[in-house]
């Protein structure tokens, strides 16, 4: 059973009083004049499934490689279970890495591939057989132990690589975009399987990915990286529902962001002028924000209503009037583009929940409405 974890401003405290499993403190990595990781401080709790998420070149893979010992930091300190391993080589760190390329030995059977590390450690034969069998059963490949990797699918090979890493019982398992080479169906299957395996073994997993859905599906906590730094760290729900920057709002799913100015604040509600319309936001989301701001709402949080003569907007909801410029049926939902009276184009994803639903075609006058608690506030970023 995992220890309860509280993360406050990047610090980790566990219920049993133990410190973080992995700690990076003021870590910087330069390649010549290029700064790949910039004064990064990060603590990862023991037993968690942690994701480093971001676009190519943001520093996530370099961070993972420094944890594994494959890259040395230019400055700063790296700890594993409280031990300083900054200058410790990879083979002396109690971590294993699963790469996208699998790196299996094609001439060996599956069980020989999995046993390779234990044989090098000179583990007793009976214990070796038992641990290899347990690892293969964990990834549901016990029946394929005598096959060679060339006789297996990509998804099966990836599970062999995972079993080979787990059989050593490392303190932490590092996953470097391990599902990137698989097709969509296999990726989704292995996302569920990886989450199940992590919960079962209780080992800290650190997963690098650029796939937002993959990170949100599997990870307990996610660090969204940009330009070698962490833009925001939190659970999938926190990052999605309350992004703190324009970059995070746009990187995780689709967001409607509208330039806005704070005009009133009373109690728990703040009111913004957004393109001539009044938009209400929970006051707590405005704290500490200054400069140019945007209010945001996710497309699936919005409802569309005909705005014909006499149509009423429910009391207490935010509302933007406009007209539909595009409507696309995509099966489970219909995607709309609405040009608001303030001149903004917003997206609306309407669930196709039943037969006979009215499609609001292009040119239709509509009100886009949503609850104030679904609104978030971010600082406007130049060129975001």
Foldseek 3Di string as FASTA:
>chain_A
DDFDWDADPQFIATPVRFGAQKWWALFWADDVPATQAGGETHGHHFLFAEEEAEDPSQNQVVVLCQQQQVDATPDTFMDGSRHTCNPPHNVPALEEEQEQVLPFDQVAFLLCRLLVVVVVVVPDPVVSVVLSCVLCVLLPNNVRRGHGPVVDDLLVSSSSSVSSRCSSVGQEYEYEPNCVVDDPVSLVVVLVSVLVSSNVSSHYYYYYDHDLVSCLSRGQKYFYGGSNYTLDIDHNCCLAQAPAAPVSPPSRAHKFKFWWDFDDDDPQWTWIQGLNFIAIAGPVLCPPDDDTKIKMFHQAQKDKDFPPPPDDDDPQKGKFKFWWAAWADDDQWIWTWTQTPSGGTDIHTGGPPDPPDDDRHGPTIIIIIGHNHSMHMYHDDPPD
